[in-house]
Amino acid sequence: MMVEEGNVRDLADVEELLLCWSNLKSPEFVELVSRFYRELCDELFSTASGDAAADEEEEHATALSYESDV
């Protein structure tokens, strides 16, 4: 397997995460970890796209305001 030198630690982290995930036996823990990961991803990725959408709405509102003033 070829791995870039800087990503070796990242790869080890992912392998450790997958090993831990595969060792989870309790459905309650699987649900808890799944929910945590889902919420984390939602916050990380919706914030970035939400900021872009908010910026677009603000630009649109500014343009409409300018057009009504003219």
Protein backbone atom coordinates (compact mmCIF):
# COMPACT_ATOMS: atom_id res chain seq x y z
CA MET A 1 0.00 0.00 0.00
CA MET A 2 1.38 3.41 -0.92
CA VAL A 3 0.81 6.16 1.60
CA GLU A 4 2.10 9.71 1.56
CA GLU A 5 4.50 10.37 4.42
CA GLY A 6 2.37 13.09 6.04
CA ASN A 7 -0.78 10.98 5.95
CA VAL A 8 0.59 7.92 7.76
CA ARG A 9 -0.75 9.13 11.11
CA ASP A 10 -4.13 9.96 9.58
CA LEU A 11 -4.29 6.47 8.12
CA ALA A 12 -3.47 4.95 11.52
CA ASP A 13 -6.24 7.05 13.10
CA VAL A 14 -8.76 5.82 10.53
CA GLU A 15 -7.67 2.22 11.00
CA GLU A 16 -8.00 2.58 14.78
CA LEU A 17 -11.45 4.14 14.39
CA LEU A 18 -12.60 1.31 12.13
CA LEU A 19 -11.24 -1.31 14.52
CA CYS A 20 -13.08 0.28 17.44
CA TRP A 21 -16.27 0.56 15.37
CA SER A 22 -16.11 -3.11 14.39
CA ASN A 23 -15.70 -4.07 18.06
CA LEU A 24 -18.88 -2.29 19.16
CA LYS A 25 -21.39 -4.97 20.05
CA SER A 26 -24.10 -3.14 21.96
CA PRO A 27 -26.85 -1.69 19.75
CA GLU A 28 -27.16 1.21 22.21
CA PHE A 29 -23.50 2.16 21.75
CA VAL A 30 -23.72 1.74 17.98
CA GLU A 31 -26.71 4.10 17.94
CA LEU A 32 -24.99 6.58 20.26
CA VAL A 33 -21.78 6.71 18.21
CA SER A 34 -23.74 6.87 14.95
CA ARG A 35 -25.85 9.76 16.20
CA PHE A 36 -22.79 11.64 17.45
CA TYR A 37 -20.98 11.21 14.12
CA ARG A 38 -24.09 12.20 12.13
CA GLU A 39 -24.59 15.36 14.22
CA LEU A 40 -20.90 16.24 13.96
CA CYS A 41 -20.98 15.90 10.17
CA ASP A 42 -24.21 17.90 9.97
CA GLU A 43 -22.67 20.74 11.96
CA LEU A 44 -19.39 20.72 10.06
CA PHE A 45 -20.82 20.54 6.57
CA SER A 46 -24.09 22.44 6.96
CA THR A 47 -22.28 25.41 8.52
CA ALA A 48 -20.03 25.80 5.50
CA SER A 49 -22.89 25.56 3.00
CA GLY A 50 -25.19 27.58 5.27
CA ASP A 51 -22.70 30.45 5.37
CA ALA A 52 -22.51 30.51 1.58
CA ALA A 53 -26.30 30.51 1.30
CA ALA A 54 -26.57 33.32 3.86
CA ASP A 55 -24.00 35.36 1.93
CA GLU A 56 -25.95 34.88 -1.30
CA GLU A 57 -29.20 35.95 0.40
CA GLU A 58 -27.51 39.05 1.82
CA GLU A 59 -26.08 39.99 -1.59
CA HIS A 60 -29.50 39.51 -3.19
CA ALA A 61 -31.20 41.65 -0.53
CA THR A 62 -28.57 44.37 -0.97
CA ALA A 63 -29.07 44.35 -4.75
CA LEU A 64 -32.84 44.60 -4.36
CA SER A 65 -32.47 47.45 -1.88
CA TYR A 66 -30.15 49.30 -4.26
CA GLU A 67 -32.55 48.79 -7.20
CA SER A 68 -35.48 50.18 -5.21
CA ASP A 69 -33.44 53.25 -4.22
CA VAL A 70 -32.57 54.03 -7.86
